């Protein structure tokens, strides 16, 4: 396709004139294409979106809250060191069964400062997480599960 010059219509390589706005994406759909588009928007899909949207908002608020808490703790460790840091690798059991849900949970852990998801077990029942400073490993696992995993089944059933 040659670029337009001096207000002339666009010309394809086979020299057939094409008016601006006459691309297939810009033309109104009719016939089978319009019917296919109308079928995509169904009541079932709309109800699903309305059901899942509040859960996504809840996950976003939870993640932001945990992000701010973890950032504060990490900043305190950097700027007011207490002398010793207790890093640990935690085995966090996963209740979620869908691969997308497990990935969402692992990514939420990794986005939180001070923690990184290292690996998923072969049976997808455990996440191995490196935590920067852990005094009580069992309490850390409970906190991770209670704060980050609770709302994921509402989004990924």
C-alpha atoms as a PDB file:
ATOM      1  CA  UNK A   1       0.000   0.000   0.000  1.00  0.00           C
ATOM      2  CA  UNK A   2       1.371   3.409  -0.898  1.00  0.00           C
ATOM      3  CA  UNK A   3       1.087   6.264   1.594  1.00  0.00           C
ATOM      4  CA  UNK A   4      -1.433   9.021   0.854  1.00  0.00           C
ATOM      5  CA  UNK A   5      -0.046  12.196  -0.692  1.00  0.00           C
ATOM      6  CA  UNK A   6      -1.737  15.540  -1.346  1.00  0.00           C
ATOM      7  CA  UNK A   7      -5.182  14.380  -0.207  1.00  0.00           C
ATOM      8  CA  UNK A   8      -5.491  11.668  -2.860  1.00  0.00           C
ATOM      9  CA  UNK A   9      -7.269   8.466  -1.836  1.00  0.00           C
ATOM     10  CA  UNK A  10      -5.215   5.539  -0.640  1.00  0.00           C
ATOM     11  CA  UNK A  11      -4.124   3.237  -3.437  1.00  0.00           C
ATOM     12  CA  UNK A  12      -3.402  -0.454  -3.029  1.00  0.00           C
ATOM     13  CA  UNK A  13      -0.571  -2.110  -4.865  1.00  0.00           C
ATOM     14  CA  UNK A  14      -3.020  -3.287  -7.528  1.00  0.00           C
ATOM     15  CA  UNK A  15      -3.969   0.407  -8.176  1.00  0.00           C
ATOM     16  CA  UNK A  16      -7.597   0.124  -7.084  1.00  0.00           C
ATOM     17  CA  UNK A  17      -8.607   3.310  -5.241  1.00  0.00           C
ATOM     18  CA  UNK A  18      -9.721   2.958  -1.632  1.00  0.00           C
ATOM     19  CA  UNK A  19     -11.419   5.716   0.265  1.00  0.00           C
ATOM     20  CA  UNK A  20     -10.318   6.475   3.844  1.00  0.00           C
ATOM     21  CA  UNK A  21     -12.495   4.601   6.311  1.00  0.00           C
ATOM     22  CA  UNK A  22     -13.204   1.753   3.905  1.00  0.00           C
ATOM     23  CA  UNK A  23     -10.939  -0.753   5.613  1.00  0.00           C
ATOM     24  CA  UNK A  24     -12.629  -3.978   6.680  1.00  0.00           C
ATOM     25  CA  UNK A  25     -12.442  -2.970  10.354  1.00  0.00           C
ATOM     26  CA  UNK A  26     -14.162   0.377   9.670  1.00  0.00           C
ATOM     27  CA  UNK A  27     -17.033  -0.984   7.568  1.00  0.00           C
ATOM     28  CA  UNK A  28     -20.277  -1.743   9.373  1.00  0.00           C
ATOM     29  CA  UNK A  29     -20.858  -5.448   9.796  1.00  0.00           C
ATOM     30  CA  UNK A  30     -23.822  -7.096   8.214  1.00  0.00           C
ATOM     31  CA  UNK A  31     -25.072 -10.605   7.722  1.00  0.00           C
ATOM     32  CA  UNK A  32     -23.151 -13.444   9.333  1.00  0.00           C
ATOM     33  CA  UNK A  33     -20.443 -11.209  10.827  1.00  0.00           C
ATOM     34  CA  UNK A  34     -22.998  -9.074  12.655  1.00  0.00           C
ATOM     35  CA  UNK A  35     -24.820 -12.161  13.933  1.00  0.00           C
ATOM     36  CA  UNK A  36     -21.560 -13.603  15.248  1.00  0.00           C
ATOM     37  CA  UNK A  37     -20.801 -10.350  17.063  1.00  0.00           C
ATOM     38  CA  UNK A  38     -24.269 -10.269  18.611  1.00  0.00           C
ATOM     39  CA  UNK A  39     -23.901 -13.872  19.787  1.00  0.00           C
ATOM     40  CA  UNK A  40     -20.671 -13.066  21.655  1.00  0.00           C
ATOM     41  CA  UNK A  41     -22.498 -10.694  23.995  1.00  0.00           C
ATOM     42  CA  UNK A  42     -24.848 -12.955  25.922  1.00  0.00           C
ATOM     43  CA  UNK A  43     -26.653 -12.651  29.209  1.00  0.00           C
ATOM     44  CA  UNK A  44     -24.593 -15.492  30.611  1.00  0.00           C
ATOM     45  CA  UNK A  45     -21.367 -13.672  29.799  1.00  0.00           C
ATOM     46  CA  UNK A  46     -22.670 -10.407  31.222  1.00  0.00           C
ATOM     47  CA  UNK A  47     -23.751 -12.092  34.450  1.00  0.00           C
ATOM     48  CA  UNK A  48     -20.313 -13.712  34.735  1.00  0.00           C
ATOM     49  CA  UNK A  49     -18.588 -10.339  34.330  1.00  0.00           C
ATOM     50  CA  UNK A  50     -20.867  -8.722  36.913  1.00  0.00           C
ATOM     51  CA  UNK A  51     -20.210 -11.583  39.332  1.00  0.00           C
ATOM     52  CA  UNK A  52     -16.421 -11.561  38.914  1.00  0.00           C
ATOM     53  CA  UNK A  53     -15.791  -7.784  38.857  1.00  0.00           C
ATOM     54  CA  UNK A  54     -16.314  -7.226  42.617  1.00  0.00           C
ATOM     55  CA  UNK A  55     -14.005 -10.176  43.351  1.00  0.00           C
ATOM     56  CA  UNK A  56     -11.279  -8.662  41.147  1.00  0.00           C
ATOM     57  CA  UNK A  57     -11.685  -5.339  42.926  1.00  0.00           C
ATOM     58  CA  UNK A  58     -11.386  -7.110  46.269  1.00  0.00           C
ATOM     59  CA  UNK A  59      -8.213  -8.883  45.103  1.00  0.00           C
ATOM     60  CA  UNK A  60      -6.768  -5.559  43.907  1.00  0.00           C
ATOM     61  CA  UNK A  61      -7.520  -3.842  47.225  1.00  0.00           C
ATOM     62  CA  UNK A  62      -6.080  -6.784  49.182  1.00  0.00           C
ATOM     63  CA  UNK A  63      -2.933  -6.813  47.052  1.00  0.00           C
ATOM     64  CA  UNK A  64      -2.463  -3.056  47.447  1.00  0.00           C
ATOM     65  CA  UNK A  65      -2.933  -3.305  51.219  1.00  0.00           C
ATOM     66  CA  UNK A  66      -0.374  -6.124  51.456  1.00  0.00           C
ATOM     67  CA  UNK A  67       1.970  -4.266  49.137  1.00  0.00           C
ATOM     68  CA  UNK A  68       1.945  -1.175  51.371  1.00  0.00           C
ATOM     69  CA  UNK A  69       2.407  -3.243  54.549  1.00  0.00           C
ATOM     70  CA  UNK A  70       5.315  -5.219  53.087  1.00  0.00           C
ATOM     71  CA  UNK A  71       6.923  -2.096  51.633  1.00  0.00           C
ATOM     72  CA  UNK A  72       6.806  -0.423  55.034  1.00  0.00           C
ATOM     73  CA  UNK A  73       8.391  -3.447  56.746  1.00  0.00           C
ATOM     74  CA  UNK A  74      11.099  -3.691  54.067  1.00  0.00           C
ATOM     75  CA  UNK A  75      11.896   0.028  54.305  1.00  0.00           C
ATOM     76  CA  UNK A  76      12.146  -0.258  58.096  1.00  0.00           C
ATOM     77  CA  UNK A  77      14.571  -3.167  57.698  1.00  0.00           C
ATOM     78  CA  UNK A  78      16.752  -1.190  55.291  1.00  0.00           C
ATOM     79  CA  UNK A  79      16.799   2.185  57.064  1.00  0.00           C
ATOM     80  CA  UNK A  80      16.651   1.020  60.693  1.00  0.00           C
ATOM     81  CA  UNK A  81      18.420  -2.334  60.713  1.00  0.00           C
ATOM     82  CA  UNK A  82      18.022  -4.341  63.901  1.00  0.00           C
ATOM     83  CA  UNK A  83      21.162  -6.328  63.281  1.00  0.00           C
ATOM     84  CA  UNK A  84      19.881  -9.721  62.213  1.00  0.00           C
ATOM     85  CA  UNK A  85      17.707 -10.805  59.338  1.00  0.00           C
ATOM     86  CA  UNK A  86      16.104 -14.247  59.302  1.00  0.00           C
ATOM     87  CA  UNK A  87      15.544 -15.262  55.676  1.00  0.00           C
ATOM     88  CA  UNK A  88      13.595 -18.454  55.101  1.00  0.00           C
ATOM     89  CA  UNK A  89      12.214 -20.654  52.372  1.00  0.00           C
ATOM     90  CA  UNK A  90       8.618 -21.499  53.168  1.00  0.00           C
ATOM     91  CA  UNK A  91       6.465 -24.311  51.820  1.00  0.00           C
ATOM     92  CA  UNK A  92       3.052 -22.677  51.384  1.00  0.00           C
ATOM     93  CA  UNK A  93       0.206 -25.156  50.795  1.00  0.00           C
ATOM     94  CA  UNK A  94      -2.103 -24.160  47.945  1.00  0.00           C
ATOM     95  CA  UNK A  95      -5.857 -24.721  48.174  1.00  0.00           C
ATOM     96  CA  UNK A  96      -6.503 -23.445  44.635  1.00  0.00           C
ATOM     97  CA  UNK A  97      -6.716 -26.168  41.987  1.00  0.00           C
ATOM     98  CA  UNK A  98      -6.853 -24.261  38.690  1.00  0.00           C
ATOM     99  CA  UNK A  99      -3.516 -23.470  37.015  1.00  0.00           C
ATOM    100  CA  UNK A 100      -4.566 -19.844  36.487  1.00  0.00           C
ATOM    101  CA  UNK A 101      -5.508 -19.505  40.159  1.00  0.00           C
ATOM    102  CA  UNK A 102      -2.186 -20.960  41.293  1.00  0.00           C
ATOM    103  CA  UNK A 103      -0.347 -18.600  38.934  1.00  0.00           C
ATOM    104  CA  UNK A 104      -2.333 -15.625  40.248  1.00  0.00           C
ATOM    105  CA  UNK A 105      -1.493 -16.577  43.841  1.00  0.00           C
ATOM    106  CA  UNK A 106       2.200 -17.060  43.021  1.00  0.00           C
ATOM    107  CA  UNK A 107       2.362 -13.718  41.211  1.00  0.00           C
ATOM    108  CA  UNK A 108       0.680 -11.918  44.106  1.00  0.00           C
ATOM    109  CA  UNK A 109       3.304 -13.350  46.461  1.00  0.00           C
ATOM    110  CA  UNK A 110       6.125 -12.298  44.143  1.00  0.00           C
ATOM    111  CA  UNK A 111       4.759  -8.766  43.755  1.00  0.00           C
ATOM    112  CA  UNK A 112       4.811  -8.281  47.518  1.00  0.00           C
ATOM    113  CA  UNK A 113       8.181  -6.829  48.650  1.00  0.00           C
ATOM    114  CA  UNK A 114      10.256  -9.201  50.736  1.00  0.00           C
ATOM    115  CA  UNK A 115       8.811 -12.394  49.226  1.00  0.00           C
ATOM    116  CA  UNK A 116       9.483 -14.276  46.017  1.00  0.00           C
ATOM    117  CA  UNK A 117       7.859 -17.429  44.707  1.00  0.00           C
ATOM    118  CA  UNK A 118      10.658 -19.808  43.819  1.00  0.00           C
ATOM    119  CA  UNK A 119       8.901 -22.936  42.576  1.00  0.00           C
ATOM    120  CA  UNK A 120       5.692 -24.923  42.442  1.00  0.00           C
ATOM    121  CA  UNK A 121       5.751 -28.544  43.559  1.00  0.00           C
ATOM    122  CA  UNK A 122       5.183 -31.277  40.972  1.00  0.00           C
ATOM    123  CA  UNK A 123       1.672 -31.989  42.281  1.00  0.00           C
ATOM    124  CA  UNK A 124       0.848 -28.215  42.397  1.00  0.00           C
ATOM    125  CA  UNK A 125      -0.052 -28.439  46.086  1.00  0.00           C
ATOM    126  CA  UNK A 126       2.888 -26.374  47.439  1.00  0.00           C
ATOM    127  CA  UNK A 127       4.527 -23.084  46.557  1.00  0.00           C
ATOM    128  CA  UNK A 128       8.094 -22.591  47.688  1.00  0.00           C
ATOM    129  CA  UNK A 129       8.482 -18.987  48.771  1.00  0.00           C
ATOM    130  CA  UNK A 130      11.605 -17.104  49.830  1.00  0.00           C
ATOM    131  CA  UNK A 131      10.835 -14.590  52.576  1.00  0.00           C
ATOM    132  CA  UNK A 132      13.346 -11.909  53.507  1.00  0.00           C
ATOM    133  CA  UNK A 133      12.704 -11.858  57.258  1.00  0.00           C
ATOM    134  CA  UNK A 134      10.700 -14.508  59.109  1.00  0.00           C
ATOM    135  CA  UNK A 135      10.610 -14.999  62.866  1.00  0.00           C
ATOM    136  CA  UNK A 136       7.898 -17.682  62.886  1.00  0.00           C
ATOM    137  CA  UNK A 137       7.581 -19.721  59.641  1.00  0.00           C
ATOM    138  CA  UNK A 138       4.135 -21.138  60.512  1.00  0.00           C
ATOM    139  CA  UNK A 139       2.736 -17.667  61.225  1.00  0.00           C
ATOM    140  CA  UNK A 140       4.225 -16.366  57.951  1.00  0.00           C
ATOM    141  CA  UNK A 141       2.553 -19.176  55.978  1.00  0.00           C
ATOM    142  CA  UNK A 142      -0.793 -18.512  57.701  1.00  0.00           C
ATOM    143  CA  UNK A 143      -0.481 -14.788  56.970  1.00  0.00           C
ATOM    144  CA  UNK A 144       0.313 -15.352  53.279  1.00  0.00           C
ATOM    145  CA  UNK A 145      -2.629 -17.721  52.853  1.00  0.00           C
ATOM    146  CA  UNK A 146      -5.075 -15.596  54.838  1.00  0.00           C
ATOM    147  CA  UNK A 147      -4.250 -12.365  53.076  1.00  0.00           C
ATOM    148  CA  UNK A 148      -3.534 -13.337  49.483  1.00  0.00           C
ATOM    149  CA  UNK A 149      -5.250 -16.643  48.717  1.00  0.00           C
ATOM    150  CA  UNK A 150      -8.701 -16.127  50.230  1.00  0.00           C
ATOM    151  CA  UNK A 151     -10.301 -14.240  47.313  1.00  0.00           C
ATOM    152  CA  UNK A 152      -8.785 -16.123  44.367  1.00  0.00           C
ATOM    153  CA  UNK A 153     -11.482 -18.871  44.192  1.00  0.00           C
ATOM    154  CA  UNK A 154     -14.104 -16.149  43.661  1.00  0.00           C
ATOM    155  CA  UNK A 155     -12.380 -15.141  40.430  1.00  0.00           C
ATOM    156  CA  UNK A 156     -11.063 -18.487  39.176  1.00  0.00           C
ATOM    157  CA  UNK A 157     -13.646 -21.120  40.189  1.00  0.00           C
END
